[in-house]
Amino acid sequence: MIDDRDFEAGMSAGEREALGDLADRLERGRPLPDAVFRGELRRQLVSDEGRSPVGLLATRWRVLAVTYSGLGAVLLVVAGVGLAGIGPFGTG
């Protein structure tokens, strides 16, 4: 359903009517996926019900957090070794 708020302020009534007709025609002519595709999609969604995308995102977030924390610890160790004057970044 299209109302007047969907059009620009300076449009004439004829332009609004023509665009409204075009929008209605496009909505009616929009193709729907065939029944085989819809049935297969439904079966996949129902079978994957136990796997929550939120759980997968939480797992990925944990892996990233542990990885970044580990890399940060390694960088702190390298900086500490450099300040102690040993290793490739030693000041001594």
PDB file of N, CA and C in Angstrom:
ATOM      1  N   MET A   1       0.834  -1.171   0.000  1.00  0.00           N
ATOM      2  CA  MET A   1       0.000   0.000   0.000  1.00  0.00           C
ATOM      3  C   MET A   1       0.885   1.242   0.000  1.00  0.00           C
ATOM      4  N   ILE A   2       0.608   2.150  -0.869  1.00  0.00           N
ATOM      5  CA  ILE A   2       1.401   3.365  -1.011  1.00  0.00           C
ATOM      6  C   ILE A   2       0.556   4.551  -0.558  1.00  0.00           C
ATOM      7  N   ASP A   3       1.136   5.436   0.216  1.00  0.00           N
ATOM      8  CA  ASP A   3       0.422   6.652   0.582  1.00  0.00           C
ATOM      9  C   ASP A   3       1.239   7.871   0.158  1.00  0.00           C
ATOM     10  N   ASP A   4       0.740   9.057   0.437  1.00  0.00           N
ATOM     11  CA  ASP A   4       1.363  10.291  -0.052  1.00  0.00           C
ATOM     12  C   ASP A   4       2.743  10.533   0.546  1.00  0.00           C
ATOM     13  N   ARG A   5       3.041   9.935   1.687  1.00  0.00           N
ATOM     14  CA  ARG A   5       4.353  10.142   2.304  1.00  0.00           C
ATOM     15  C   ARG A   5       5.462   9.441   1.537  1.00  0.00           C
ATOM     16  N   ASP A   6       5.109   8.530   0.637  1.00  0.00           N
ATOM     17  CA  ASP A   6       6.108   7.798  -0.131  1.00  0.00           C
ATOM     18  C   ASP A   6       6.640   8.598  -1.319  1.00  0.00           C
ATOM     19  N   PHE A   7       6.045   9.741  -1.609  1.00  0.00           N
ATOM     20  CA  PHE A   7       6.431  10.528  -2.776  1.00  0.00           C
ATOM     21  C   PHE A   7       7.114  11.820  -2.350  1.00  0.00           C
ATOM     22  N   GLU A   8       7.887  12.395  -3.264  1.00  0.00           N
ATOM     23  CA  GLU A   8       8.523  13.678  -3.004  1.00  0.00           C
ATOM     24  C   GLU A   8       7.467  14.771  -2.927  1.00  0.00           C
ATOM     25  N   ALA A   9       7.799  15.850  -2.247  1.00  0.00           N
ATOM     26  CA  ALA A   9       6.826  16.906  -2.001  1.00  0.00           C
ATOM     27  C   ALA A   9       6.391  17.623  -3.281  1.00  0.00           C
ATOM     28  N   GLY A  10       7.273  17.785  -4.253  1.00  0.00           N
ATOM     29  CA  GLY A  10       6.949  18.575  -5.432  1.00  0.00           C
ATOM     30  C   GLY A  10       6.317  17.804  -6.573  1.00  0.00           C
ATOM     31  N   MET A  11       5.869  16.575  -6.365  1.00  0.00           N
ATOM     32  CA  MET A  11       5.317  15.761  -7.442  1.00  0.00           C
ATOM     33  C   MET A  11       3.876  16.140  -7.744  1.00  0.00           C
ATOM     34  N   SER A  12       3.544  16.072  -9.022  1.00  0.00           N
ATOM     35  CA  SER A  12       2.165  16.348  -9.405  1.00  0.00           C
ATOM     36  C   SER A  12       1.303  15.116  -9.134  1.00  0.00           C
ATOM     37  N   ALA A  13      -0.002  15.330  -9.164  1.00  0.00           N
ATOM     38  CA  ALA A  13      -0.930  14.234  -8.890  1.00  0.00           C
ATOM     39  C   ALA A  13      -0.814  13.150  -9.959  1.00  0.00           C
ATOM     40  N   GLY A  14      -0.579  13.531 -11.207  1.00  0.00           N
ATOM     41  CA  GLY A  14      -0.434  12.553 -12.282  1.00  0.00           C
ATOM     42  C   GLY A  14       0.793  11.678 -12.090  1.00  0.00           C
ATOM     43  N   GLU A  15       1.906  12.307 -11.689  1.00  0.00           N
ATOM     44  CA  GLU A  15       3.128  11.540 -11.427  1.00  0.00           C
ATOM     45  C   GLU A  15       2.928  10.575 -10.263  1.00  0.00           C
ATOM     46  N   ARG A  16       2.249  11.050  -9.228  1.00  0.00           N
ATOM     47  CA  ARG A  16       1.988  10.180  -8.073  1.00  0.00           C
ATOM     48  C   ARG A  16       1.146   8.982  -8.465  1.00  0.00           C
ATOM     49  N   GLU A  17       0.131   9.226  -9.278  1.00  0.00           N
ATOM     50  CA  GLU A  17      -0.738   8.138  -9.701  1.00  0.00           C
ATOM     51  C   GLU A  17       0.020   7.144 -10.573  1.00  0.00           C
ATOM     52  N   ALA A  18       0.844   7.661 -11.496  1.00  0.00           N
ATOM     53  CA  ALA A  18       1.613   6.776 -12.380  1.00  0.00           C
ATOM     54  C   ALA A  18       2.607   5.937 -11.580  1.00  0.00           C
ATOM     55  N   LEU A  19       3.299   6.561 -10.629  1.00  0.00           N
ATOM     56  CA  LEU A  19       4.252   5.803  -9.805  1.00  0.00           C
ATOM     57  C   LEU A  19       3.541   4.810  -8.897  1.00  0.00           C
ATOM     58  N   GLY A  20       2.372   5.183  -8.391  1.00  0.00           N
ATOM     59  CA  GLY A  20       1.590   4.257  -7.569  1.00  0.00           C
ATOM     60  C   GLY A  20       1.145   3.049  -8.372  1.00  0.00           C
ATOM     61  N   ASP A  21       0.704   3.284  -9.617  1.00  0.00           N
ATOM     62  CA  ASP A  21       0.308   2.176 -10.487  1.00  0.00           C
ATOM     63  C   ASP A  21       1.495   1.263 -10.786  1.00  0.00           C
ATOM     64  N   LEU A  22       2.653   1.883 -11.051  1.00  0.00           N
ATOM     65  CA  LEU A  22       3.849   1.097 -11.324  1.00  0.00           C
ATOM     66  C   LEU A  22       4.240   0.248 -10.113  1.00  0.00           C
ATOM     67  N   ALA A  23       4.178   0.838  -8.929  1.00  0.00           N
ATOM     68  CA  ALA A  23       4.515   0.096  -7.714  1.00  0.00           C
ATOM     69  C   ALA A  23       3.560  -1.077  -7.505  1.00  0.00           C
ATOM     70  N   ASP A  24       2.270  -0.859  -7.729  1.00  0.00           N
ATOM     71  CA  ASP A  24       1.297  -1.951  -7.593  1.00  0.00           C
ATOM     72  C   ASP A  24       1.576  -3.062  -8.593  1.00  0.00           C
ATOM     73  N   ARG A  25       1.882  -2.675  -9.834  1.00  0.00           N
ATOM     74  CA  ARG A  25       2.160  -3.668 -10.873  1.00  0.00           C
ATOM     75  C   ARG A  25       3.419  -4.470 -10.542  1.00  0.00           C
ATOM     76  N   LEU A  26       4.450  -3.792 -10.015  1.00  0.00           N
ATOM     77  CA  LEU A  26       5.686  -4.503  -9.637  1.00  0.00           C
ATOM     78  C   LEU A  26       5.439  -5.471  -8.479  1.00  0.00           C
ATOM     79  N   GLU A  27       4.640  -5.058  -7.508  1.00  0.00           N
ATOM     80  CA  GLU A  27       4.343  -5.951  -6.386  1.00  0.00           C
ATOM     81  C   GLU A  27       3.560  -7.172  -6.834  1.00  0.00           C
ATOM     82  N   ARG A  28       2.598  -6.992  -7.732  1.00  0.00           N
ATOM     83  CA  ARG A  28       1.813  -8.125  -8.227  1.00  0.00           C
ATOM     84  C   ARG A  28       2.656  -9.051  -9.088  1.00  0.00           C
ATOM     85  N   GLY A  29       3.626  -8.492  -9.828  1.00  0.00           N
ATOM     86  CA  GLY A  29       4.440  -9.290 -10.727  1.00  0.00           C
ATOM     87  C   GLY A  29       5.683  -9.877 -10.098  1.00  0.00           C
ATOM     88  N   ARG A  30       5.862  -9.653  -8.806  1.00  0.00           N
ATOM     89  CA  ARG A  30       7.058 -10.166  -8.138  1.00  0.00           C
ATOM     90  C   ARG A  30       7.029 -11.687  -8.113  1.00  0.00           C
ATOM     91  N   PRO A  31       8.071 -12.326  -8.611  1.00  0.00           N
ATOM     92  CA  PRO A  31       8.059 -13.788  -8.649  1.00  0.00           C
ATOM     93  C   PRO A  31       8.260 -14.382  -7.254  1.00  0.00           C
ATOM     94  N   LEU A  32       7.602 -15.500  -7.040  1.00  0.00           N
ATOM     95  CA  LEU A  32       7.769 -16.244  -5.803  1.00  0.00           C
ATOM     96  C   LEU A  32       8.635 -17.461  -6.087  1.00  0.00           C
ATOM     97  N   PRO A  33       9.424 -17.901  -5.125  1.00  0.00           N
ATOM     98  CA  PRO A  33      10.212 -19.122  -5.326  1.00  0.00           C
ATOM     99  C   PRO A  33       9.273 -20.306  -5.547  1.00  0.00           C
ATOM    100  N   ASP A  34       9.729 -21.275  -6.324  1.00  0.00           N
ATOM    101  CA  ASP A  34       8.868 -22.423  -6.601  1.00  0.00           C
ATOM    102  C   ASP A  34       8.713 -23.283  -5.351  1.00  0.00           C
ATOM    103  N   ALA A  35       7.743 -24.175  -5.408  1.00  0.00           N
ATOM    104  CA  ALA A  35       7.385 -24.976  -4.236  1.00  0.00           C
ATOM    105  C   ALA A  35       8.532 -25.886  -3.794  1.00  0.00           C
ATOM    106  N   VAL A  36       9.311 -26.398  -4.727  1.00  0.00           N
ATOM    107  CA  VAL A  36      10.430 -27.284  -4.375  1.00  0.00           C
ATOM    108  C   VAL A  36      11.454 -26.526  -3.529  1.00  0.00           C
ATOM    109  N   PHE A  37      11.783 -25.309  -3.959  1.00  0.00           N
ATOM    110  CA  PHE A  37      12.747 -24.504  -3.210  1.00  0.00           C
ATOM    111  C   PHE A  37      12.214 -24.164  -1.829  1.00  0.00           C
ATOM    112  N   ARG A  38      10.945 -23.742  -1.764  1.00  0.00           N
ATOM    113  CA  ARG A  38      10.370 -23.384  -0.467  1.00  0.00           C
ATOM    114  C   ARG A  38      10.335 -24.581   0.474  1.00  0.00           C
ATOM    115  N   GLY A  39       9.992 -25.764  -0.056  1.00  0.00           N
ATOM    116  CA  GLY A  39       9.961 -26.959   0.783  1.00  0.00           C
ATOM    117  C   GLY A  39      11.339 -27.338   1.294  1.00  0.00           C
ATOM    118  N   GLU A  40      12.338 -27.249   0.422  1.00  0.00           N
ATOM    119  CA  GLU A  40      13.705 -27.576   0.830  1.00  0.00           C
ATOM    120  C   GLU A  40      14.214 -26.579   1.869  1.00  0.00           C
ATOM    121  N   LEU A  41      13.920 -25.315   1.662  1.00  0.00           N
ATOM    122  CA  LEU A  41      14.332 -24.292   2.626  1.00  0.00           C
ATOM    123  C   LEU A  41      13.686 -24.535   3.979  1.00  0.00           C
ATOM    124  N   ARG A  42      12.405 -24.878   3.981  1.00  0.00           N
ATOM    125  CA  ARG A  42      11.713 -25.142   5.238  1.00  0.00           C
ATOM    126  C   ARG A  42      12.342 -26.330   5.962  1.00  0.00           C
ATOM    127  N   ARG A  43      12.642 -27.403   5.218  1.00  0.00           N
ATOM    128  CA  ARG A  43      13.261 -28.572   5.849  1.00  0.00           C
ATOM    129  C   ARG A  43      14.613 -28.217   6.453  1.00  0.00           C
ATOM    130  N   GLN A  44      15.395 -27.401   5.759  1.00  0.00           N
ATOM    131  CA  GLN A  44      16.699 -27.003   6.299  1.00  0.00           C
ATOM    132  C   GLN A  44      16.541 -26.159   7.553  1.00  0.00           C
ATOM    133  N   LEU A  45      15.592 -25.247   7.537  1.00  0.00           N
ATOM    134  CA  LEU A  45      15.394 -24.388   8.707  1.00  0.00           C
ATOM    135  C   LEU A  45      14.897 -25.184   9.905  1.00  0.00           C
ATOM    136  N   VAL A  46      14.012 -26.130   9.669  1.00  0.00           N
ATOM    137  CA  VAL A  46      13.490 -26.941  10.765  1.00  0.00           C
ATOM    138  C   VAL A  46      14.570 -27.866  11.307  1.00  0.00           C
ATOM    139  N   SER A  47      15.401 -28.444  10.427  1.00  0.00           N
ATOM    140  CA  SER A  47      16.430 -29.369  10.889  1.00  0.00           C
ATOM    141  C   SER A  47      17.557 -28.649  11.618  1.00  0.00           C
ATOM    142  N   ASP A  48      17.803 -27.395  11.301  1.00  0.00           N
ATOM    143  CA  ASP A  48      18.860 -26.627  11.953  1.00  0.00           C
ATOM    144  C   ASP A  48      18.352 -25.872  13.167  1.00  0.00           C
ATOM    145  N   GLU A  49      17.182 -26.242  13.648  1.00  0.00           N
ATOM    146  CA  GLU A  49      16.573 -25.507  14.739  1.00  0.00           C
ATOM    147  C   GLU A  49      17.419 -25.545  16.007  1.00  0.00           C
ATOM    148  N   GLY A  50      18.112 -26.662  16.247  1.00  0.00           N
ATOM    149  CA  GLY A  50      18.917 -26.787  17.452  1.00  0.00           C
ATOM    150  C   GLY A  50      20.158 -25.913  17.443  1.00  0.00           C
ATOM    151  N   ARG A  51      20.620 -25.560  16.240  1.00  0.00           N
ATOM    152  CA  ARG A  51      21.826 -24.730  16.136  1.00  0.00           C
ATOM    153  C   ARG A  51      21.424 -23.272  16.091  1.00  0.00           C
ATOM    154  N   SER A  52      21.697 -22.586  17.148  1.00  0.00           N
ATOM    155  CA  SER A  52      21.330 -21.181  17.237  1.00  0.00           C
ATOM    156  C   SER A  52      22.446 -20.306  16.676  1.00  0.00           C
ATOM    157  N   PRO A  53      22.117 -19.356  15.791  1.00  0.00           N
ATOM    158  CA  PRO A  53      23.170 -18.454  15.308  1.00  0.00           C
ATOM    159  C   PRO A  53      23.761 -17.623  16.437  1.00  0.00           C
ATOM    160  N   VAL A  54      22.979 -17.372  17.474  1.00  0.00           N
ATOM    161  CA  VAL A  54      23.491 -16.612  18.615  1.00  0.00           C
ATOM    162  C   VAL A  54      24.590 -17.404  19.302  1.00  0.00           C
ATOM    163  N   GLY A  55      24.396 -18.714  19.438  1.00  0.00           N
ATOM    164  CA  GLY A  55      25.426 -19.566  20.045  1.00  0.00           C
ATOM    165  C   GLY A  55      26.686 -19.589  19.209  1.00  0.00           C
ATOM    166  N   LEU A  56      26.528 -19.621  17.879  1.00  0.00           N
ATOM    167  CA  LEU A  56      27.700 -19.612  17.005  1.00  0.00           C
ATOM    168  C   LEU A  56      28.441 -18.289  17.110  1.00  0.00           C
ATOM    169  N   LEU A  57      27.705 -17.192  17.200  1.00  0.00           N
ATOM    170  CA  LEU A  57      28.353 -15.883  17.343  1.00  0.00           C
ATOM    171  C   LEU A  57      29.068 -15.769  18.675  1.00  0.00           C
ATOM    172  N   ALA A  58      28.462 -16.304  19.723  1.00  0.00           N
ATOM    173  CA  ALA A  58      29.100 -16.252  21.040  1.00  0.00           C
ATOM    174  C   ALA A  58      30.390 -17.062  21.037  1.00  0.00           C
ATOM    175  N   THR A  59      30.359 -18.225  20.391  1.00  0.00           N
ATOM    176  CA  THR A  59      31.567 -19.045  20.307  1.00  0.00           C
ATOM    177  C   THR A  59      32.655 -18.311  19.533  1.00  0.00           C
ATOM    178  N   ARG A  60      32.281 -17.703  18.416  1.00  0.00           N
ATOM    179  CA  ARG A  60      33.261 -16.961  17.625  1.00  0.00           C
ATOM    180  C   ARG A  60      33.825 -15.796  18.427  1.00  0.00           C
ATOM    181  N   TRP A  61      32.972 -15.105  19.185  1.00  0.00           N
ATOM    182  CA  TRP A  61      33.429 -13.990  19.994  1.00  0.00           C
ATOM    183  C   TRP A  61      34.429 -14.458  21.038  1.00  0.00           C
ATOM    184  N   ARG A  62      34.149 -15.599  21.644  1.00  0.00           N
ATOM    185  CA  ARG A  62      35.082 -16.123  22.656  1.00  0.00           C
ATOM    186  C   ARG A  62      36.435 -16.462  22.040  1.00  0.00           C
ATOM    187  N   VAL A  63      36.406 -17.078  20.866  1.00  0.00           N
ATOM    188  CA  VAL A  63      37.658 -17.425  20.188  1.00  0.00           C
ATOM    189  C   VAL A  63      38.448 -16.157  19.869  1.00  0.00           C
ATOM    190  N   LEU A  64      37.776 -15.137  19.368  1.00  0.00           N
ATOM    191  CA  LEU A  64      38.462 -13.880  19.070  1.00  0.00           C
ATOM    192  C   LEU A  64      39.026 -13.237  20.339  1.00  0.00           C
ATOM    193  N   ALA A  65      38.253 -13.255  21.421  1.00  0.00           N
ATOM    194  CA  ALA A  65      38.716 -12.651  22.671  1.00  0.00           C
ATOM    195  C   ALA A  65      39.951 -13.367  23.203  1.00  0.00           C
ATOM    196  N   VAL A  66      39.953 -14.683  23.169  1.00  0.00           N
ATOM    197  CA  VAL A  66      41.106 -15.445  23.652  1.00  0.00           C
ATOM    198  C   VAL A  66      42.310 -15.196  22.747  1.00  0.00           C
ATOM    199  N   THR A  67      42.092 -15.152  21.441  1.00  0.00           N
ATOM    200  CA  THR A  67      43.189 -14.920  20.498  1.00  0.00           C
ATOM    201  C   THR A  67      43.822 -13.553  20.722  1.00  0.00           C
ATOM    202  N   TYR A  68      42.978 -12.531  20.811  1.00  0.00           N
ATOM    203  CA  TYR A  68      43.523 -11.186  21.015  1.00  0.00           C
ATOM    204  C   TYR A  68      44.204 -11.047  22.366  1.00  0.00           C
ATOM    205  N   SER A  69      43.653 -11.688  23.389  1.00  0.00           N
ATOM    206  CA  SER A  69      44.302 -11.634  24.710  1.00  0.00           C
ATOM    207  C   SER A  69      45.660 -12.322  24.666  1.00  0.00           C
ATOM    208  N   GLY A  70      45.730 -13.462  24.003  1.00  0.00           N
ATOM    209  CA  GLY A  70      47.011 -14.175  23.889  1.00  0.00           C
ATOM    210  C   GLY A  70      48.037 -13.362  23.116  1.00  0.00           C
ATOM    211  N   LEU A  71      47.608 -12.756  22.010  1.00  0.00           N
ATOM    212  CA  LEU A  71      48.542 -11.926  21.238  1.00  0.00           C
ATOM    213  C   LEU A  71      49.005 -10.709  22.041  1.00  0.00           C
ATOM    214  N   GLY A  72      48.102 -10.138  22.816  1.00  0.00           N
ATOM    215  CA  GLY A  72      48.488  -9.013  23.664  1.00  0.00           C
ATOM    216  C   GLY A  72      49.515  -9.427  24.703  1.00  0.00           C
ATOM    217  N   ALA A  73      49.326 -10.607  25.290  1.00  0.00           N
ATOM    218  CA  ALA A  73      50.298 -11.112  26.278  1.00  0.00           C
ATOM    219  C   ALA A  73      51.653 -11.347  25.629  1.00  0.00           C
ATOM    220  N   VAL A  74      51.665 -11.897  24.419  1.00  0.00           N
ATOM    221  CA  VAL A  74      52.934 -12.115  23.708  1.00  0.00           C
ATOM    222  C   VAL A  74      53.633 -10.783  23.459  1.00  0.00           C
ATOM    223  N   LEU A  75      52.889  -9.782  23.034  1.00  0.00           N
ATOM    224  CA  LEU A  75      53.495  -8.472  22.783  1.00  0.00           C
ATOM    225  C   LEU A  75      54.038  -7.847  24.064  1.00  0.00           C
ATOM    226  N   LEU A  76      53.348  -8.028  25.180  1.00  0.00           N
ATOM    227  CA  LEU A  76      53.857  -7.523  26.454  1.00  0.00           C
ATOM    228  C   LEU A  76      55.149  -8.231  26.851  1.00  0.00           C
ATOM    229  N   VAL A  77      55.226  -9.533  26.612  1.00  0.00           N
ATOM    230  CA  VAL A  77      56.448 -10.276  26.911  1.00  0.00           C
ATOM    231  C   VAL A  77      57.594  -9.775  26.043  1.00  0.00           C
ATOM    232  N   VAL A  78      57.340  -9.566  24.753  1.00  0.00           N
ATOM    233  CA  VAL A  78      58.378  -9.055  23.848  1.00  0.00           C
ATOM    234  C   VAL A  78      58.838  -7.681  24.308  1.00  0.00           C
ATOM    235  N   ALA A  79      57.915  -6.823  24.705  1.00  0.00           N
ATOM    236  CA  ALA A  79      58.290  -5.492  25.194  1.00  0.00           C
ATOM    237  C   ALA A  79      59.105  -5.605  26.488  1.00  0.00           C
ATOM    238  N   GLY A  80      58.712  -6.510  27.367  1.00  0.00           N
ATOM    239  CA  GLY A  80      59.460  -6.703  28.614  1.00  0.00           C
ATOM    240  C   GLY A  80      60.864  -7.207  28.357  1.00  0.00           C
ATOM    241  N   VAL A  81      61.015  -8.116  27.399  1.00  0.00           N
ATOM    242  CA  VAL A  81      62.341  -8.629  27.047  1.00  0.00           C
ATOM    243  C   VAL A  81      63.190  -7.485  26.485  1.00  0.00           C
ATOM    244  N   GLY A  82      62.583  -6.651  25.676  1.00  0.00           N
ATOM    245  CA  GLY A  82      63.319  -5.511  25.105  1.00  0.00           C
ATOM    246  C   GLY A  82      63.765  -4.542  26.174  1.00  0.00           C
ATOM    247  N   LEU A  83      62.903  -4.271  27.150  1.00  0.00           N
ATOM    248  CA  LEU A  83      63.265  -3.359  28.234  1.00  0.00           C
ATOM    249  C   LEU A  83      64.330  -3.956  29.132  1.00  0.00           C
ATOM    250  N   ALA A  84      64.382  -5.278  29.233  1.00  0.00           N
ATOM    251  CA  ALA A  84      65.382  -5.929  30.050  1.00  0.00           C
ATOM    252  C   ALA A  84      66.751  -5.920  29.368  1.00  0.00           C
ATOM    253  N   GLY A  85      66.776  -5.559  28.083  1.00  0.00           N
ATOM    254  CA  GLY A  85      68.050  -5.428  27.377  1.00  0.00           C
ATOM    255  C   GLY A  85      68.512  -6.697  26.704  1.00  0.00           C
ATOM    256  N   ILE A  86      67.630  -7.673  26.548  1.00  0.00           N
ATOM    257  CA  ILE A  86      68.014  -8.889  25.866  1.00  0.00           C
ATOM    258  C   ILE A  86      67.119  -9.085  24.649  1.00  0.00           C
ATOM    259  N   GLY A  87      67.546  -9.917  23.755  1.00  0.00           N
ATOM    260  CA  GLY A  87      66.754 -10.198  22.564  1.00  0.00           C
ATOM    261  C   GLY A  87      66.994  -9.172  21.475  1.00  0.00           C
ATOM    262  N   PRO A  88      66.282  -9.269  20.373  1.00  0.00           N
ATOM    263  CA  PRO A  88      66.520  -8.399  19.210  1.00  0.00           C
ATOM    264  C   PRO A  88      66.174  -6.933  19.482  1.00  0.00           C
ATOM    265  N   PHE A  89      65.301  -6.680  20.468  1.00  0.00           N
ATOM    266  CA  PHE A  89      64.918  -5.290  20.753  1.00  0.00           C
ATOM    267  C   PHE A  89      65.620  -4.751  21.978  1.00  0.00           C
ATOM    268  N   GLY A  90      66.673  -5.412  22.389  1.00  0.00           N
ATOM    269  CA  GLY A  90      67.399  -4.989  23.580  1.00  0.00           C
ATOM    270  C   GLY A  90      68.070  -3.633  23.392  1.00  0.00           C
ATOM    271  N   THR A  91      68.085  -2.833  24.452  1.00  0.00           N
ATOM    272  CA  THR A  91      68.714  -1.510  24.400  1.00  0.00           C
ATOM    273  C   THR A  91      70.160  -1.547  24.853  1.00  0.00           C
ATOM    274  N   GLY A  92      70.608  -2.683  25.275  1.00  0.00           N
ATOM    275  CA  GLY A  92      71.941  -2.778  25.845  1.00  0.00           C
ATOM    276  C   GLY A  92      72.906  -3.293  24.916  1.00  0.00           C
TER     277      GLY A  92
END
